[in-house]
Amino acid sequence: MEYALLYAEGDDPQPYDPAQDDIGAWVDDLEARGVSEYGERLRPEVDATTVRVRGGELLVTDGPFSEAKESIGGFDIIDVADLDEAIEIASRHPAARFARVEVRPFMQWPGAEPGARVVPRDLADRPVRGRRYLLLVISSPTGEADGDGDPEAWVSEMDARGARLFGDVLRPPADATYVRRRDGEVLVADGPFVEAKEWVAGFDLLEVRDLAEAIEVASKHPMARGGVLELRPLWPFDEHGDHVARLEHEVEVRDVRLEPSADEALAALAAAGR
């Protein structure tokens, strides 16, 4: 069964100790077990861009969809035997020690082909042809009442032009399981952790030229009208590297927006005639 592991700060964050970060060993274990499909770290909230369409007008703002500490810092997709194995894997991720891991199953679709999976098996062998963004699809009460149309046409169009690498819908927060490790003890709680009005309903991985194209792709998603879409660039790192040195190097850019502003991206979008 496939699960998304979503890493967020949570309400009782602990100090991050890079010297104790054993993410490399965690990744090696998942690959040896054959349960890892894909995983990435995301740039911090400062590089998030939020996209909405209301009344036919495209609205783009800098920043995440929520200022709460639920902002996602990274994710993994795993395919395991059951929820118990997913919890065991989540509990050993370094984020479980200083933050929180949300374990969310993907939606099971009637008529799905046997062996179908969220991430294409050959994705790791494909050359990277552009910038990659995680498109978070957010359910929001501020969306237009008739704005949650069928996304299949959007999926077909973006797959055909190579802008969408994969994606799927998650089971609702009521089916989430939250995993932390504190003082050596694994703490597990059923969702929803908080009664948030906005919550992640699914996500897609995009590969595009730039933020302007990512906004154009997001604006065509039905949930741009029915909810909110958040674009987050990936933030790759060497999981086997020196995490103390990495943290020292990244401190200068952690809280700095490296992406173009929303206004700059919209201007580029208009200039390109997209």
C-alpha atoms as a PDB file:
ATOM      1  CA  MET A   1       0.000   0.000   0.000  1.00  0.00           C
ATOM      2  CA  GLU A   2       1.297   3.446  -0.915  1.00  0.00           C
ATOM      3  CA  TYR A   3       1.661   6.212   1.661  1.00  0.00           C
ATOM      4  CA  ALA A   4       2.925   9.775   1.613  1.00  0.00           C
ATOM      5  CA  LEU A   5       5.180  10.784   4.507  1.00  0.00           C
ATOM      6  CA  LEU A   6       4.859  14.543   5.025  1.00  0.00           C
ATOM      7  CA  TYR A   7       7.353  16.294   7.309  1.00  0.00           C
ATOM      8  CA  ALA A   8       6.172  19.339   9.260  1.00  0.00           C
ATOM      9  CA  GLU A   9       7.339  21.180  12.368  1.00  0.00           C
ATOM     10  CA  GLY A  10       4.232  20.409  14.438  1.00  0.00           C
ATOM     11  CA  ASP A  11       3.345  21.986  17.772  1.00  0.00           C
ATOM     12  CA  ASP A  12       6.238  20.671  19.881  1.00  0.00           C
ATOM     13  CA  PRO A  13       9.375  21.086  17.737  1.00  0.00           C
ATOM     14  CA  GLN A  14      12.684  20.009  19.212  1.00  0.00           C
ATOM     15  CA  PRO A  15      16.136  21.470  18.403  1.00  0.00           C
ATOM     16  CA  TYR A  16      17.597  20.029  15.211  1.00  0.00           C
ATOM     17  CA  ASP A  17      21.044  18.490  15.758  1.00  0.00           C
ATOM     18  CA  PRO A  18      22.733  17.989  12.366  1.00  0.00           C
ATOM     19  CA  ALA A  19      25.423  15.813  13.970  1.00  0.00           C
ATOM     20  CA  GLN A  20      22.710  13.260  14.819  1.00  0.00           C
ATOM     21  CA  ASP A  21      21.068  13.382  11.379  1.00  0.00           C
ATOM     22  CA  ASP A  22      21.190   9.821  10.007  1.00  0.00           C
ATOM     23  CA  ILE A  23      19.007  10.411   6.941  1.00  0.00           C
ATOM     24  CA  GLY A  24      21.554   8.632   4.732  1.00  0.00           C
ATOM     25  CA  ALA A  25      21.181   5.377   6.667  1.00  0.00           C
ATOM     26  CA  TRP A  26      17.368   5.775   6.591  1.00  0.00           C
ATOM     27  CA  VAL A  27      17.360   6.189   2.798  1.00  0.00           C
ATOM     28  CA  ASP A  28      19.750   3.246   2.369  1.00  0.00           C
ATOM     29  CA  ASP A  29      17.457   1.027   4.460  1.00  0.00           C
ATOM     30  CA  LEU A  30      14.367   1.931   2.410  1.00  0.00           C
ATOM     31  CA  GLU A  31      16.160   1.284  -0.856  1.00  0.00           C
ATOM     32  CA  ALA A  32      17.462  -2.069   0.407  1.00  0.00           C
ATOM     33  CA  ARG A  33      13.901  -3.049   1.365  1.00  0.00           C
ATOM     34  CA  GLY A  34      12.568  -1.861  -1.999  1.00  0.00           C
ATOM     35  CA  VAL A  35       9.854   0.314  -0.449  1.00  0.00           C
ATOM     36  CA  SER A  36      10.983   3.789  -1.535  1.00  0.00           C
ATOM     37  CA  GLU A  37       9.346   5.354  -4.599  1.00  0.00           C
ATOM     38  CA  TYR A  38      10.479   8.973  -4.342  1.00  0.00           C
ATOM     39  CA  GLY A  39      11.380  11.665  -1.828  1.00  0.00           C
ATOM     40  CA  GLU A  40      12.510  15.285  -1.771  1.00  0.00           C
ATOM     41  CA  ARG A  41      13.238  18.144   0.559  1.00  0.00           C
ATOM     42  CA  LEU A  42      11.450  21.441  -0.177  1.00  0.00           C
ATOM     43  CA  ARG A  43      12.702  25.006   0.001  1.00  0.00           C
ATOM     44  CA  PRO A  44      11.347  26.824   3.091  1.00  0.00           C
ATOM     45  CA  GLU A  45       8.049  28.725   3.124  1.00  0.00           C
ATOM     46  CA  VAL A  46       9.798  31.922   2.017  1.00  0.00           C
ATOM     47  CA  ASP A  47      10.052  30.430  -1.476  1.00  0.00           C
ATOM     48  CA  ALA A  48       6.424  29.283  -1.625  1.00  0.00           C
ATOM     49  CA  THR A  49       4.058  30.803  -4.188  1.00  0.00           C
ATOM     50  CA  THR A  50       0.288  30.532  -3.786  1.00  0.00           C
ATOM     51  CA  VAL A  51      -2.051  30.427  -6.783  1.00  0.00           C
ATOM     52  CA  ARG A  52      -5.817  30.985  -6.834  1.00  0.00           C
ATOM     53  CA  VAL A  53      -8.390  31.815  -9.510  1.00  0.00           C
ATOM     54  CA  ARG A  54     -11.451  33.699  -8.305  1.00  0.00           C
ATOM     55  CA  GLY A  55     -14.099  35.110 -10.585  1.00  0.00           C
ATOM     56  CA  GLY A  56     -11.878  34.314 -13.569  1.00  0.00           C
ATOM     57  CA  GLU A  57      -8.980  36.401 -12.198  1.00  0.00           C
ATOM     58  CA  LEU A  58      -5.577  34.830 -11.543  1.00  0.00           C
ATOM     59  CA  LEU A  59      -4.346  35.706  -8.032  1.00  0.00           C
ATOM     60  CA  VAL A  60      -0.718  34.916  -7.186  1.00  0.00           C
ATOM     61  CA  THR A  61       0.998  35.749  -3.893  1.00  0.00           C
ATOM     62  CA  ASP A  62       4.362  35.106  -2.289  1.00  0.00           C
ATOM     63  CA  GLY A  63       4.320  32.737   0.671  1.00  0.00           C
ATOM     64  CA  PRO A  64       2.578  29.517   1.746  1.00  0.00           C
ATOM     65  CA  PHE A  65      -1.143  28.789   1.876  1.00  0.00           C
ATOM     66  CA  SER A  66      -1.014  28.776   5.669  1.00  0.00           C
ATOM     67  CA  GLU A  67       1.104  30.564   8.264  1.00  0.00           C
ATOM     68  CA  ALA A  68       0.593  27.661  10.664  1.00  0.00           C
ATOM     69  CA  LYS A  69       3.413  25.301  11.600  1.00  0.00           C
ATOM     70  CA  GLU A  70       1.848  22.706   9.321  1.00  0.00           C
ATOM     71  CA  SER A  71       3.962  23.889   6.406  1.00  0.00           C
ATOM     72  CA  ILE A  72       5.551  20.889   4.745  1.00  0.00           C
ATOM     73  CA  GLY A  73       9.346  20.729   4.625  1.00  0.00           C
ATOM     74  CA  GLY A  74       9.680  17.560   2.569  1.00  0.00           C
ATOM     75  CA  PHE A  75       8.023  14.324   1.613  1.00  0.00           C
ATOM     76  CA  ASP A  76       8.556  10.699   0.719  1.00  0.00           C
ATOM     77  CA  ILE A  77       6.353   8.208  -1.079  1.00  0.00           C
ATOM     78  CA  ILE A  78       6.646   4.621   0.105  1.00  0.00           C
ATOM     79  CA  ASP A  79       4.999   1.352  -0.885  1.00  0.00           C
ATOM     80  CA  VAL A  80       4.777  -0.995   2.113  1.00  0.00           C
ATOM     81  CA  ALA A  81       2.766  -3.949   3.387  1.00  0.00           C
ATOM     82  CA  ASP A  82       0.509  -2.002   5.741  1.00  0.00           C
ATOM     83  CA  LEU A  83       0.137   0.997   8.071  1.00  0.00           C
ATOM     84  CA  ASP A  84       2.253  -0.663  10.784  1.00  0.00           C
ATOM     85  CA  GLU A  85       5.247  -0.797   8.444  1.00  0.00           C
ATOM     86  CA  ALA A  86       4.631   2.794   7.340  1.00  0.00           C
ATOM     87  CA  ILE A  87       4.618   3.927  11.001  1.00  0.00           C
ATOM     88  CA  GLU A  88       7.801   1.987  11.731  1.00  0.00           C
ATOM     89  CA  ILE A  89       9.543   3.677   8.787  1.00  0.00           C
ATOM     90  CA  ALA A  90       8.206   7.113   9.736  1.00  0.00           C
ATOM     91  CA  SER A  91       9.361   6.714  13.344  1.00  0.00           C
ATOM     92  CA  ARG A  92      12.965   6.228  12.249  1.00  0.00           C
ATOM     93  CA  HIS A  93      13.097   9.290   9.972  1.00  0.00           C
ATOM     94  CA  PRO A  94      15.218  12.048  11.558  1.00  0.00           C
ATOM     95  CA  ALA A  95      12.264  14.447  11.291  1.00  0.00           C
ATOM     96  CA  ALA A  96      10.352  12.307  13.816  1.00  0.00           C
ATOM     97  CA  ARG A  97      12.913  13.326  16.472  1.00  0.00           C
ATOM     98  CA  PHE A  98      12.699  17.102  16.027  1.00  0.00           C
ATOM     99  CA  ALA A  99       9.413  17.580  14.161  1.00  0.00           C
ATOM    100  CA  ARG A 100       6.500  15.375  13.113  1.00  0.00           C
ATOM    101  CA  VAL A 101       5.792  12.898  10.337  1.00  0.00           C
ATOM    102  CA  GLU A 102       2.285  12.709   8.893  1.00  0.00           C
ATOM    103  CA  VAL A 103       1.492   9.333   7.321  1.00  0.00           C
ATOM    104  CA  ARG A 104      -1.270   9.681   4.707  1.00  0.00           C
ATOM    105  CA  PRO A 105      -2.545   6.896   2.428  1.00  0.00           C
ATOM    106  CA  PHE A 106      -3.255   7.658  -1.183  1.00  0.00           C
ATOM    107  CA  MET A 107      -6.761   7.321  -2.545  1.00  0.00           C
ATOM    108  CA  GLN A 108      -7.550   3.832  -3.822  1.00  0.00           C
ATOM    109  CA  TRP A 109      -9.310   4.198  -7.165  1.00  0.00           C
ATOM    110  CA  PRO A 110     -11.881   1.640  -8.361  1.00  0.00           C
ATOM    111  CA  GLY A 111     -10.696  -0.029 -11.533  1.00  0.00           C
ATOM    112  CA  ALA A 112      -7.035   0.847 -11.020  1.00  0.00           C
ATOM    113  CA  GLU A 113      -4.701  -1.468 -12.912  1.00  0.00           C
ATOM    114  CA  PRO A 114      -2.961  -4.096 -10.733  1.00  0.00           C
ATOM    115  CA  GLY A 115       0.536  -2.937  -9.851  1.00  0.00           C
ATOM    116  CA  ALA A 116      -0.220   0.704 -10.679  1.00  0.00           C
ATOM    117  CA  ARG A 117       1.798   3.123  -8.557  1.00  0.00           C
ATOM    118  CA  VAL A 118       2.020   6.850  -7.972  1.00  0.00           C
ATOM    119  CA  VAL A 119       5.612   7.328  -9.175  1.00  0.00           C
ATOM    120  CA  PRO A 120       6.636   5.944 -12.592  1.00  0.00           C
ATOM    121  CA  ARG A 121       9.239   3.224 -12.194  1.00  0.00           C
ATOM    122  CA  ASP A 122      11.559   4.857 -14.734  1.00  0.00           C
ATOM    123  CA  LEU A 123      11.446   8.357 -13.238  1.00  0.00           C
ATOM    124  CA  ALA A 124      14.925   8.097 -11.686  1.00  0.00           C
ATOM    125  CA  ASP A 125      16.370   7.243 -15.121  1.00  0.00           C
ATOM    126  CA  ARG A 126      14.852  10.260 -16.874  1.00  0.00           C
ATOM    127  CA  PRO A 127      17.098  13.294 -17.374  1.00  0.00           C
ATOM    128  CA  VAL A 128      16.026  16.429 -15.537  1.00  0.00           C
ATOM    129  CA  ARG A 129      14.853  18.878 -18.240  1.00  0.00           C
ATOM    130  CA  GLY A 130      13.741  21.828 -16.129  1.00  0.00           C
ATOM    131  CA  ARG A 131      12.991  23.143 -12.662  1.00  0.00           C
ATOM    132  CA  ARG A 132      10.959  20.895 -10.461  1.00  0.00           C
ATOM    133  CA  TYR A 133       8.200  22.161  -8.181  1.00  0.00           C
ATOM    134  CA  LEU A 134       5.883  20.348  -5.820  1.00  0.00           C
ATOM    135  CA  LEU A 135       2.318  21.481  -6.487  1.00  0.00           C
ATOM    136  CA  LEU A 136       0.337  21.116  -3.266  1.00  0.00           C
ATOM    137  CA  VAL A 137      -3.417  20.898  -3.867  1.00  0.00           C
ATOM    138  CA  ILE A 138      -5.189  22.471  -0.906  1.00  0.00           C
ATOM    139  CA  SER A 139      -8.829  22.051   0.019  1.00  0.00           C
ATOM    140  CA  SER A 140     -10.071  25.441   1.192  1.00  0.00           C
ATOM    141  CA  PRO A 141     -13.462  26.835   2.243  1.00  0.00           C
ATOM    142  CA  THR A 142     -12.604  30.016   0.333  1.00  0.00           C
ATOM    143  CA  GLY A 143     -12.846  28.218  -3.001  1.00  0.00           C
ATOM    144  CA  GLU A 144     -15.622  28.748  -5.488  1.00  0.00           C
ATOM    145  CA  ALA A 145     -18.567  26.415  -4.908  1.00  0.00           C
ATOM    146  CA  ASP A 146     -18.463  25.008  -8.444  1.00  0.00           C
ATOM    147  CA  GLY A 147     -14.673  25.111  -8.758  1.00  0.00           C
ATOM    148  CA  ASP A 148     -13.702  21.530  -8.002  1.00  0.00           C
ATOM    149  CA  GLY A 149     -14.238  20.103 -11.468  1.00  0.00           C
ATOM    150  CA  ASP A 150     -12.810  16.906 -12.887  1.00  0.00           C
ATOM    151  CA  PRO A 151      -8.992  17.210 -12.991  1.00  0.00           C
ATOM    152  CA  GLU A 152      -8.542  14.437 -15.581  1.00  0.00           C
ATOM    153  CA  ALA A 153      -8.395  16.896 -18.492  1.00  0.00           C
ATOM    154  CA  TRP A 154      -5.682  18.871 -16.645  1.00  0.00           C
ATOM    155  CA  VAL A 155      -3.740  15.675 -15.929  1.00  0.00           C
ATOM    156  CA  SER A 156      -3.928  14.586 -19.576  1.00  0.00           C
ATOM    157  CA  GLU A 157      -2.810  17.995 -20.869  1.00  0.00           C
ATOM    158  CA  MET A 158       0.113  18.368 -18.438  1.00  0.00           C
ATOM    159  CA  ASP A 159       1.268  14.779 -18.897  1.00  0.00           C
ATOM    160  CA  ALA A 160       1.226  15.238 -22.688  1.00  0.00           C
ATOM    161  CA  ARG A 161       3.393  18.377 -22.579  1.00  0.00           C
ATOM    162  CA  GLY A 162       5.750  16.828 -20.005  1.00  0.00           C
ATOM    163  CA  ALA A 163       4.959  19.373 -17.289  1.00  0.00           C
ATOM    164  CA  ARG A 164       3.625  16.815 -14.813  1.00  0.00           C
ATOM    165  CA  LEU A 165       5.827  13.903 -13.711  1.00  0.00           C
ATOM    166  CA  PHE A 166       3.392  12.255 -11.284  1.00  0.00           C
ATOM    167  CA  GLY A 167       0.777  13.001  -8.669  1.00  0.00           C
ATOM    168  CA  ASP A 168      -2.298  11.686  -6.935  1.00  0.00           C
ATOM    169  CA  VAL A 169      -5.007  12.373  -4.403  1.00  0.00           C
ATOM    170  CA  LEU A 170      -4.522  11.654  -0.677  1.00  0.00           C
ATOM    171  CA  ARG A 171      -7.063  10.189   1.684  1.00  0.00           C
ATOM    172  CA  PRO A 172      -8.559  12.939   3.929  1.00  0.00           C
ATOM    173  CA  PRO A 173      -6.900  14.067   7.194  1.00  0.00           C
ATOM    174  CA  ALA A 174      -9.215  11.771   9.186  1.00  0.00           C
ATOM    175  CA  ASP A 175      -7.158   8.872   7.771  1.00  0.00           C
ATOM    176  CA  ALA A 176      -3.812  10.433   8.725  1.00  0.00           C
ATOM    177  CA  THR A 177      -1.482   9.061  11.365  1.00  0.00           C
ATOM    178  CA  TYR A 178       1.010  11.349  13.106  1.00  0.00           C
ATOM    179  CA  VAL A 179       4.336   9.961  14.261  1.00  0.00           C
ATOM    180  CA  ARG A 180       6.923  11.537  16.578  1.00  0.00           C
ATOM    181  CA  ARG A 181       9.846  10.244  18.609  1.00  0.00           C
ATOM    182  CA  ARG A 182      10.474  11.948  21.942  1.00  0.00           C
ATOM    183  CA  ASP A 183      13.001  10.757  24.560  1.00  0.00           C
ATOM    184  CA  GLY A 184      13.394   7.528  22.618  1.00  0.00           C
ATOM    185  CA  GLU A 185       9.661   6.742  22.711  1.00  0.00           C
ATOM    186  CA  VAL A 186       7.569   6.505  19.534  1.00  0.00           C
ATOM    187  CA  LEU A 187       4.365   8.546  19.855  1.00  0.00           C
ATOM    188  CA  VAL A 188       1.544   7.763  17.414  1.00  0.00           C
ATOM    189  CA  ALA A 189      -1.737   9.666  17.098  1.00  0.00           C
ATOM    190  CA  ASP A 190      -4.642   9.364  14.699  1.00  0.00           C
ATOM    191  CA  GLY A 191      -5.688  12.365  12.638  1.00  0.00           C
ATOM    192  CA  PRO A 192      -6.833  14.947  12.160  1.00  0.00           C
ATOM    193  CA  PHE A 193      -4.139  16.542  14.356  1.00  0.00           C
ATOM    194  CA  VAL A 194      -5.871  19.909  14.180  1.00  0.00           C
ATOM    195  CA  GLU A 195      -9.228  20.919  12.749  1.00  0.00           C
ATOM    196  CA  ALA A 196      -7.640  22.997  10.006  1.00  0.00           C
ATOM    197  CA  LYS A 197      -9.942  24.667   7.505  1.00  0.00           C
ATOM    198  CA  GLU A 198      -7.325  24.206   4.774  1.00  0.00           C
ATOM    199  CA  TRP A 199      -5.620  20.875   4.254  1.00  0.00           C
ATOM    200  CA  VAL A 200      -3.487  19.101   1.674  1.00  0.00           C
ATOM    201  CA  ALA A 201      -5.747  16.991  -0.558  1.00  0.00           C
ATOM    202  CA  GLY A 202      -3.011  15.771  -2.914  1.00  0.00           C
ATOM    203  CA  PHE A 203       0.078  16.830  -4.803  1.00  0.00           C
ATOM    204  CA  ASP A 204       1.807  16.689  -8.161  1.00  0.00           C
ATOM    205  CA  LEU A 205       5.455  16.993  -9.143  1.00  0.00           C
ATOM    206  CA  LEU A 206       5.949  19.480 -11.982  1.00  0.00           C
ATOM    207  CA  GLU A 207       8.926  19.916 -14.296  1.00  0.00           C
ATOM    208  CA  VAL A 208       8.827  23.270 -16.084  1.00  0.00           C
ATOM    209  CA  ARG A 209      11.040  26.057 -17.409  1.00  0.00           C
ATOM    210  CA  ASP A 210      10.553  28.468 -14.539  1.00  0.00           C
ATOM    211  CA  LEU A 211       8.165  29.766 -11.886  1.00  0.00           C
ATOM    212  CA  ALA A 212       6.105  31.579 -14.533  1.00  0.00           C
ATOM    213  CA  GLU A 213       5.330  28.313 -16.312  1.00  0.00           C
ATOM    214  CA  ALA A 214       4.629  26.614 -12.985  1.00  0.00           C
ATOM    215  CA  ILE A 215       2.060  29.324 -12.222  1.00  0.00           C
ATOM    216  CA  GLU A 216       0.498  28.898 -15.669  1.00  0.00           C
ATOM    217  CA  VAL A 217       0.238  25.124 -15.111  1.00  0.00           C
ATOM    218  CA  ALA A 218      -1.222  25.602 -11.614  1.00  0.00           C
ATOM    219  CA  SER A 219      -3.750  28.179 -12.799  1.00  0.00           C
ATOM    220  CA  LYS A 220      -5.311  25.616 -15.142  1.00  0.00           C
ATOM    221  CA  HIS A 221      -5.859  23.079 -12.344  1.00  0.00           C
ATOM    222  CA  PRO A 222      -9.565  22.896 -11.358  1.00  0.00           C
ATOM    223  CA  MET A 223      -8.626  23.383  -7.706  1.00  0.00           C
ATOM    224  CA  ALA A 224      -7.209  26.820  -8.508  1.00  0.00           C
ATOM    225  CA  ARG A 225     -10.886  27.802  -8.447  1.00  0.00           C
ATOM    226  CA  GLY A 226     -12.166  25.288  -5.913  1.00  0.00           C
ATOM    227  CA  GLY A 227      -9.293  25.588  -3.428  1.00  0.00           C
ATOM    228  CA  VAL A 228      -5.719  26.859  -3.257  1.00  0.00           C
ATOM    229  CA  LEU A 229      -2.530  25.694  -4.951  1.00  0.00           C
ATOM    230  CA  GLU A 230       0.942  26.109  -3.457  1.00  0.00           C
ATOM    231  CA  LEU A 231       4.120  25.827  -5.502  1.00  0.00           C
ATOM    232  CA  ARG A 232       7.300  24.863  -3.662  1.00  0.00           C
ATOM    233  CA  PRO A 233      10.681  24.387  -5.398  1.00  0.00           C
ATOM    234  CA  LEU A 234      12.711  21.348  -4.429  1.00  0.00           C
ATOM    235  CA  TRP A 235      15.819  21.767  -2.276  1.00  0.00           C
ATOM    236  CA  PRO A 236      18.057  18.769  -3.041  1.00  0.00           C
ATOM    237  CA  PHE A 237      20.873  17.788  -0.707  1.00  0.00           C
ATOM    238  CA  ASP A 238      23.335  14.941  -0.274  1.00  0.00           C
ATOM    239  CA  GLU A 239      21.756  12.648   2.308  1.00  0.00           C
ATOM    240  CA  HIS A 240      25.177  11.071   2.940  1.00  0.00           C
ATOM    241  CA  GLY A 241      26.991  14.402   3.223  1.00  0.00           C
ATOM    242  CA  ASP A 242      28.253  16.367   6.220  1.00  0.00           C
ATOM    243  CA  HIS A 243      25.032  17.765   7.697  1.00  0.00           C
ATOM    244  CA  VAL A 244      26.854  20.092  10.097  1.00  0.00           C
ATOM    245  CA  ALA A 245      28.667  21.745   7.173  1.00  0.00           C
ATOM    246  CA  ARG A 246      25.446  21.778   5.130  1.00  0.00           C
ATOM    247  CA  LEU A 247      23.541  23.571   7.871  1.00  0.00           C
ATOM    248  CA  GLU A 248      26.298  26.199   8.209  1.00  0.00           C
ATOM    249  CA  HIS A 249      26.313  26.741   4.443  1.00  0.00           C
ATOM    250  CA  GLU A 250      22.535  26.973   4.128  1.00  0.00           C
ATOM    251  CA  VAL A 251      21.947  29.403   6.989  1.00  0.00           C
ATOM    252  CA  GLU A 252      22.578  32.364   4.666  1.00  0.00           C
ATOM    253  CA  VAL A 253      19.850  31.345   2.197  1.00  0.00           C
ATOM    254  CA  ARG A 254      17.338  29.613   4.456  1.00  0.00           C
ATOM    255  CA  ASP A 255      15.223  32.715   5.082  1.00  0.00           C
ATOM    256  CA  VAL A 256      15.893  34.458   1.761  1.00  0.00           C
ATOM    257  CA  ARG A 257      13.485  34.209  -1.172  1.00  0.00           C
ATOM    258  CA  LEU A 258      15.445  32.824  -4.109  1.00  0.00           C
ATOM    259  CA  GLU A 259      12.429  32.491  -6.383  1.00  0.00           C
ATOM    260  CA  PRO A 260      11.184  35.471  -8.434  1.00  0.00           C
ATOM    261  CA  SER A 261       8.448  37.405  -6.689  1.00  0.00           C
ATOM    262  CA  ALA A 262       4.843  36.788  -7.690  1.00  0.00           C
ATOM    263  CA  ASP A 263       4.798  40.116  -9.564  1.00  0.00           C
ATOM    264  CA  GLU A 264       7.989  39.250 -11.462  1.00  0.00           C
ATOM    265  CA  ALA A 265       6.661  35.808 -12.384  1.00  0.00           C
ATOM    266  CA  LEU A 266       3.340  37.260 -13.575  1.00  0.00           C
ATOM    267  CA  ALA A 267       5.197  39.814 -15.692  1.00  0.00           C
ATOM    268  CA  ALA A 268       7.271  37.017 -17.254  1.00  0.00           C
ATOM    269  CA  LEU A 269       4.091  35.031 -17.861  1.00  0.00           C
ATOM    270  CA  ALA A 270       2.473  37.993 -19.627  1.00  0.00           C
ATOM    271  CA  ALA A 271       5.608  38.699 -21.682  1.00  0.00           C
ATOM    272  CA  ALA A 272       5.711  35.094 -22.844  1.00  0.00           C
ATOM    273  CA  GLY A 273       2.059  35.266 -23.854  1.00  0.00           C
ATOM    274  CA  ARG A 274       1.221  32.178 -21.825  1.00  0.00           C
END
